Amino acid sequence: MKKILIVLLGSLLILGGCFQMNEKTEEEKEQEGTTPVQDYVGQGFSFVDGDKSAERVKKHEEEIKQEAINYMKTTYKTDVKVNNVVPARNAAVVMVECEEPIQFHTSVIVSLVLNKDDVGSARSDEGEVEKAIVGGLYAKAYKEEFEHLDAFAEKIAKEYDLLGMREEAIDKTASVGYAEKYYFIAIAASYYPNVYNAYIENPAIPVDELRNLFLKDDPSNEKMAIAMNFFAKEESLPKKELVNNLASEILQESRLPKGTYETTVYKNLIVNRVGLPDGESIDAKDIIK
């Protein structure tokens, strides 16, 4: 009798697990899963306890968007557009993009007032918007060099049969600052106080002045990092030799923006809920140009 009871309990537990799996929504499945980088456009992107505030965020979405836009304009003298509003714990994370006078992606956190059906104030994580601004200013100061980097990155991606992030994914999930398909600028704004302060005083600061200020804050360009990120077309990683060859081509290429280049090749999959690569990667030695 005990054996029969144990078997029955085991069967019920298995069935219970199946019922729970069947009850999961498509959104929950997306959040738990992965997607090939070529198909990832932000599906399932989420934050902790976002499900608990999703209804309120949806109800107040327009107010939340405007709060984020106002925050960027008031605090950083910068106009942005909203690409995504993502529910979070007692808040919404608003993914925003600046297109003029500089380009960058960042995020703003808009709180929800506890025990009230109302939207609170906006804020940003320390240093996040500042680094996005400085990255955008560097791309503006060296526009031709970055245009050459775009073309060069596209060329070597095709040469080695590699992929990059889709624009839709960057818009909906990225808050790293200046980001393109195959790279982003990875810096701390605290390294460039003269550059940042000059922008806050005058967002229309001329390119020549920007270049002088970057040289003043970082004469050898050693603090400027450009992360080159590529993805394999398959789930398996390419050989280390391929990544080293990529790094060698970057080293030999002229007319690229100055800085330290960090070259990485990831597997093909993106983790939906965080919008970041899944699994292992191969890194090349950093290159200073």
Protein backbone atom coordinates (compact mmCIF):
# COMPACT_ATOMS: atom_id res chain seq x y z
CA MET A 1 0.00 0.00 0.00
CA LYS A 2 2.85 2.36 0.85
CA LYS A 3 4.45 1.67 -2.53
CA ILE A 4 1.23 2.50 -4.33
CA LEU A 5 0.85 5.72 -2.29
CA ILE A 6 4.41 6.80 -3.06
CA VAL A 7 3.86 6.16 -6.76
CA LEU A 8 0.62 8.16 -6.69
CA LEU A 9 2.28 11.07 -4.89
CA GLY A 10 5.12 11.00 -7.37
CA SER A 11 2.66 11.05 -10.26
CA LEU A 12 0.77 13.98 -8.74
CA LEU A 13 3.99 15.95 -8.30
CA ILE A 14 4.95 15.32 -11.91
CA LEU A 15 1.48 16.27 -13.12
CA GLY A 16 1.50 19.34 -10.88
CA GLY A 17 4.76 20.42 -12.46
CA CYS A 18 3.25 19.90 -15.90
CA PHE A 19 0.19 21.94 -14.99
CA GLN A 20 2.41 24.79 -13.76
CA MET A 21 4.39 24.69 -16.97
CA ASN A 22 1.24 24.77 -19.04
CA GLU A 23 -0.01 27.76 -17.08
CA LYS A 24 3.00 29.89 -17.91
CA THR A 25 2.27 32.79 -20.18
CA GLU A 26 4.11 33.40 -23.41
CA GLU A 27 5.75 36.42 -21.76
CA GLU A 28 7.10 34.26 -18.91
CA LYS A 29 8.46 31.74 -21.39
CA GLU A 30 10.19 34.52 -23.31
CA GLN A 31 11.75 35.90 -20.12
CA GLU A 32 13.15 32.49 -19.17
CA GLY A 33 14.47 31.64 -22.60
CA THR A 34 17.15 32.58 -25.06
CA THR A 35 16.99 33.80 -28.64
CA PRO A 36 19.54 33.73 -31.47
CA VAL A 37 21.14 37.18 -31.69
CA GLN A 38 19.91 37.64 -35.27
CA ASP A 39 16.30 37.24 -34.04
CA TYR A 40 16.52 39.12 -30.75
CA VAL A 41 14.64 42.43 -30.70
CA GLY A 42 14.07 42.80 -26.94
CA GLN A 43 11.45 40.11 -26.40
CA GLY A 44 11.16 39.05 -22.75
CA PHE A 45 13.38 41.89 -21.47
CA SER A 46 12.41 42.43 -17.83
CA PHE A 47 13.41 43.52 -14.32
CA VAL A 48 12.93 41.93 -10.90
CA ASP A 49 9.32 42.03 -9.67
CA GLY A 50 8.24 43.82 -12.82
CA ASP A 51 5.20 41.57 -13.03
CA LYS A 52 3.91 43.09 -9.78
CA SER A 53 3.89 46.63 -11.17
CA ALA A 54 3.10 45.83 -14.82
CA GLU A 55 -0.55 46.84 -14.58
CA ARG A 56 0.21 50.20 -12.97
CA VAL A 57 3.02 50.91 -15.42
CA LYS A 58 0.73 50.20 -18.35
CA LYS A 59 -1.97 52.47 -16.91
CA HIS A 60 0.46 55.38 -16.38
CA GLU A 61 2.77 54.72 -19.32
CA GLU A 62 2.39 58.14 -20.93
CA GLU A 63 3.02 59.94 -17.63
CA ILE A 64 6.06 57.75 -17.01
CA LYS A 65 7.47 58.53 -20.46
CA GLN A 66 7.01 62.25 -19.95
CA GLU A 67 8.62 62.11 -16.50
CA ALA A 68 11.71 60.48 -18.03
CA ILE A 69 11.86 63.00 -20.87
CA ASN A 70 11.51 65.91 -18.44
CA TYR A 71 14.23 64.48 -16.19
CA MET A 72 16.74 64.27 -19.01
CA LYS A 73 15.91 67.77 -20.21
CA THR A 74 16.03 69.36 -16.76
CA THR A 75 19.01 67.52 -15.34
CA TYR A 76 21.18 67.08 -18.43
CA LYS A 77 19.85 69.69 -20.90
CA THR A 78 19.28 66.85 -23.36
CA ASP A 79 16.26 65.89 -25.46
CA VAL A 80 15.53 62.17 -25.71
CA LYS A 81 12.93 59.85 -27.17
CA VAL A 82 11.53 56.80 -25.37
CA ASN A 83 12.21 53.39 -26.91
CA ASN A 84 10.85 51.12 -24.18
CA VAL A 85 9.09 51.23 -20.81
CA VAL A 86 9.84 48.19 -18.65
CA PRO A 87 8.07 47.45 -15.33
CA ALA A 88 10.37 47.01 -12.33
CA ARG A 89 10.03 46.77 -8.55
CA ASN A 90 7.74 49.69 -7.60
CA ALA A 91 9.02 51.54 -10.65
CA ALA A 92 9.45 51.59 -14.40
CA VAL A 93 12.78 51.61 -16.22
CA VAL A 94 12.55 53.84 -19.27
CA MET A 95 15.00 53.09 -22.07
CA VAL A 96 15.73 56.40 -23.81
CA GLU A 97 17.79 57.52 -26.79
CA CYS A 98 19.37 60.85 -27.65
CA GLU A 99 19.81 61.59 -31.35
CA GLU A 100 20.84 65.28 -31.28
CA PRO A 101 23.16 67.02 -30.62
CA ILE A 102 24.89 63.73 -29.72
CA GLN A 103 23.89 60.07 -29.91
CA PHE A 104 23.58 57.64 -27.00
CA HIS A 105 21.31 55.15 -25.23
CA THR A 106 20.66 55.23 -21.48
CA SER A 107 17.90 54.58 -18.95
CA VAL A 108 15.83 56.53 -16.45
CA ILE A 109 14.06 55.04 -13.42
CA VAL A 110 10.61 56.45 -12.68
CA SER A 111 9.18 55.45 -9.29
CA LEU A 112 5.61 54.50 -8.50
CA VAL A 113 4.18 56.00 -5.31
CA LEU A 114 3.55 53.28 -2.72
CA ASN A 115 -0.09 52.79 -1.70
CA LYS A 116 -1.16 55.41 -4.23
CA ASP A 117 -2.20 55.15 -7.84
CA ASP A 118 0.32 57.75 -8.91
CA VAL A 119 3.71 58.27 -10.58
CA GLY A 120 6.63 59.51 -8.50
CA SER A 121 9.92 61.14 -9.39
CA ALA A 122 12.61 60.16 -11.88
CA ARG A 123 16.26 59.34 -11.28
CA SER A 124 19.15 57.49 -12.89
CA ASP A 125 21.82 55.12 -11.63
CA GLU A 126 24.93 56.97 -10.54
CA GLY A 127 27.19 57.82 -13.45
CA GLU A 128 25.08 56.06 -16.11
CA VAL A 129 23.77 59.10 -17.98
CA GLU A 130 27.07 60.92 -17.53
CA LYS A 131 29.09 58.14 -19.19
CA ALA A 132 26.51 57.97 -22.00
CA ILE A 133 26.93 61.69 -22.63
CA VAL A 134 30.74 61.50 -22.69
CA GLY A 135 30.62 58.52 -25.07
CA GLY A 136 28.27 60.41 -27.35
CA LEU A 137 30.56 63.42 -27.26
CA TYR A 138 33.57 61.28 -28.22
CA ALA A 139 31.67 59.92 -31.22
CA LYS A 140 30.72 63.47 -32.20
CA ALA A 141 34.27 64.78 -31.79
CA TYR A 142 35.63 62.01 -34.03
CA LYS A 143 32.68 61.47 -36.36
CA GLU A 144 34.72 60.45 -39.43
CA GLU A 145 36.75 57.95 -37.42
CA PHE A 146 33.60 56.33 -36.03
CA GLU A 147 32.02 56.16 -39.46
CA HIS A 148 35.16 54.35 -40.59
CA LEU A 149 34.89 52.02 -37.57
CA ASP A 150 31.29 51.17 -38.54
CA ALA A 151 32.31 50.25 -42.07
CA PHE A 152 35.40 48.35 -40.89
CA ALA A 153 33.43 46.35 -38.28
CA GLU A 154 30.87 45.40 -40.93
CA LYS A 155 33.65 44.29 -43.26
CA ILE A 156 35.43 42.03 -40.77
CA ALA A 157 32.13 40.59 -39.52
CA LYS A 158 31.37 39.42 -43.05
CA GLU A 159 34.95 38.25 -43.53
CA TYR A 160 34.78 36.00 -40.44
CA ASP A 161 31.08 35.12 -40.78
CA LEU A 162 30.06 36.82 -37.52
CA LEU A 163 26.98 38.72 -36.34
CA GLY A 164 26.17 41.80 -34.27
CA MET A 165 23.26 43.07 -32.18
CA ARG A 166 20.15 44.20 -34.03
CA GLU A 167 19.26 47.89 -33.84
CA GLU A 168 15.87 47.06 -32.32
CA ALA A 169 17.57 45.16 -29.49
CA ILE A 170 19.92 48.04 -28.78
CA ASP A 171 17.02 50.50 -28.70
CA LYS A 172 14.91 48.43 -26.30
CA THR A 173 17.53 47.00 -23.94
CA ALA A 174 20.82 48.96 -24.07
CA SER A 175 21.77 51.69 -21.61
CA VAL A 176 25.54 51.56 -22.14
CA GLY A 177 25.81 54.92 -23.87
CA TYR A 178 27.12 55.17 -27.42
CA ALA A 179 26.36 51.76 -28.95
CA GLU A 180 26.37 50.37 -32.45
CA LYS A 181 25.85 46.92 -33.96
CA TYR A 182 29.34 45.59 -33.23
CA TYR A 183 30.65 47.80 -30.43
CA PHE A 184 30.02 50.27 -27.65
CA ILE A 185 32.10 52.86 -25.80
CA ALA A 186 32.89 51.69 -22.27
CA ILE A 187 34.13 54.53 -20.07
CA ALA A 188 33.62 56.37 -16.78
CA ALA A 189 32.59 59.99 -17.10
CA SER A 190 34.73 60.85 -14.07
CA TYR A 191 37.80 60.47 -16.33
CA TYR A 192 36.56 63.34 -18.51
CA PRO A 193 35.41 66.16 -16.19
CA ASN A 194 36.27 68.98 -18.60
CA VAL A 195 34.43 67.32 -21.47
CA TYR A 196 31.30 66.61 -19.42
CA ASN A 197 31.13 70.01 -17.72
CA ALA A 198 31.59 71.81 -21.04
CA TYR A 199 28.59 69.95 -22.47
CA ILE A 200 26.37 70.76 -19.50
CA GLU A 201 27.29 74.42 -19.88
CA ASN A 202 26.75 74.34 -23.65
CA PRO A 203 25.21 71.24 -25.32
CA ALA A 204 26.06 72.78 -28.71
CA ILE A 205 29.78 72.81 -27.94
CA PRO A 206 31.84 72.90 -31.19
CA VAL A 207 33.72 69.81 -32.38
CA ASP A 208 37.14 71.51 -32.27
CA GLU A 209 36.66 72.47 -28.65
CA LEU A 210 35.52 68.93 -27.83
CA ARG A 211 38.68 67.44 -29.31
CA ASN A 212 40.86 69.79 -27.28
CA LEU A 213 39.02 68.89 -24.09
CA PHE A 214 39.34 65.14 -24.72
CA LEU A 215 43.08 65.61 -25.19
CA LYS A 216 43.23 67.66 -22.00
CA ASP A 217 41.41 65.02 -19.92
CA ASP A 218 43.10 62.00 -21.52
CA PRO A 219 46.21 62.94 -23.55
CA SER A 220 47.20 59.34 -24.37
CA ASN A 221 43.62 58.02 -24.89
CA GLU A 222 44.37 55.26 -22.38
CA LYS A 223 41.10 55.75 -20.51
CA MET A 224 38.92 55.44 -23.62
CA ALA A 225 37.72 51.84 -24.12
CA ILE A 226 35.84 50.55 -27.16
CA ALA A 227 34.32 47.10 -26.67
CA MET A 228 34.12 45.20 -29.96
CA ASN A 229 31.48 42.46 -29.58
CA PHE A 230 30.76 39.84 -32.22
CA PHE A 231 28.54 36.74 -32.18
CA ALA A 232 29.03 33.37 -33.82
CA LYS A 233 26.32 32.23 -36.22
CA GLU A 234 26.21 28.89 -34.41
CA GLU A 235 25.85 28.05 -30.71
CA SER A 236 29.46 26.85 -30.58
CA LEU A 237 32.38 29.24 -30.27
CA PRO A 238 34.91 29.77 -33.06
CA LYS A 239 38.57 28.94 -32.55
CA LYS A 240 40.77 31.26 -30.51
CA GLU A 241 42.81 31.86 -33.66
CA LEU A 242 39.85 33.62 -35.28
CA VAL A 243 39.53 36.09 -32.40
CA ASN A 244 43.25 36.76 -32.46
CA ASN A 245 43.01 37.44 -36.21
CA LEU A 246 40.18 39.90 -35.55
CA ALA A 247 42.33 41.69 -33.00
CA SER A 248 45.25 41.79 -35.43
CA GLU A 249 43.12 43.39 -38.12
CA ILE A 250 41.94 46.06 -35.68
CA LEU A 251 45.54 46.76 -34.70
CA GLN A 252 46.59 47.18 -38.32
CA GLU A 253 43.62 49.29 -39.40
CA SER A 254 44.29 53.02 -39.65
CA ARG A 255 41.89 55.95 -39.15
CA LEU A 256 39.99 54.27 -36.28
CA PRO A 257 39.04 56.22 -33.13
CA LYS A 258 41.82 56.27 -30.54
CA GLY A 259 41.43 54.07 -27.48
CA THR A 260 41.80 50.59 -26.05
CA TYR A 261 39.95 47.96 -28.10
CA GLU A 262 38.54 44.96 -26.24
CA THR A 263 37.58 42.26 -28.75
CA THR A 264 35.16 39.47 -27.75
CA VAL A 265 33.29 36.78 -29.69
CA TYR A 266 30.22 35.27 -28.00
CA LYS A 267 28.07 32.28 -28.72
CA ASN A 268 24.95 32.89 -30.79
CA LEU A 269 22.33 33.18 -28.04
CA ILE A 270 20.99 36.19 -26.11
CA VAL A 271 19.35 35.79 -22.67
CA ASN A 272 15.96 37.39 -23.24
CA ARG A 273 15.30 38.85 -19.80
CA VAL A 274 18.61 40.74 -19.60
CA GLY A 275 19.38 41.32 -23.27
CA LEU A 276 22.95 40.05 -22.83
CA PRO A 277 24.97 37.18 -24.35
CA ASP A 278 24.42 33.66 -23.07
CA GLY A 279 27.25 31.26 -22.38
CA GLU A 280 30.97 31.37 -22.99
CA SER A 281 33.06 33.83 -24.95
CA ILE A 282 36.56 34.16 -26.35
CA ASP A 283 38.52 37.32 -25.67
CA ALA A 284 41.54 38.73 -27.41
CA LYS A 285 44.26 40.73 -25.72
CA ASP A 286 43.36 44.41 -25.41
CA ILE A 287 44.71 46.61 -28.19
CA ILE A 288 45.75 50.21 -27.63
CA LYS A 289 45.53 52.43 -30.69
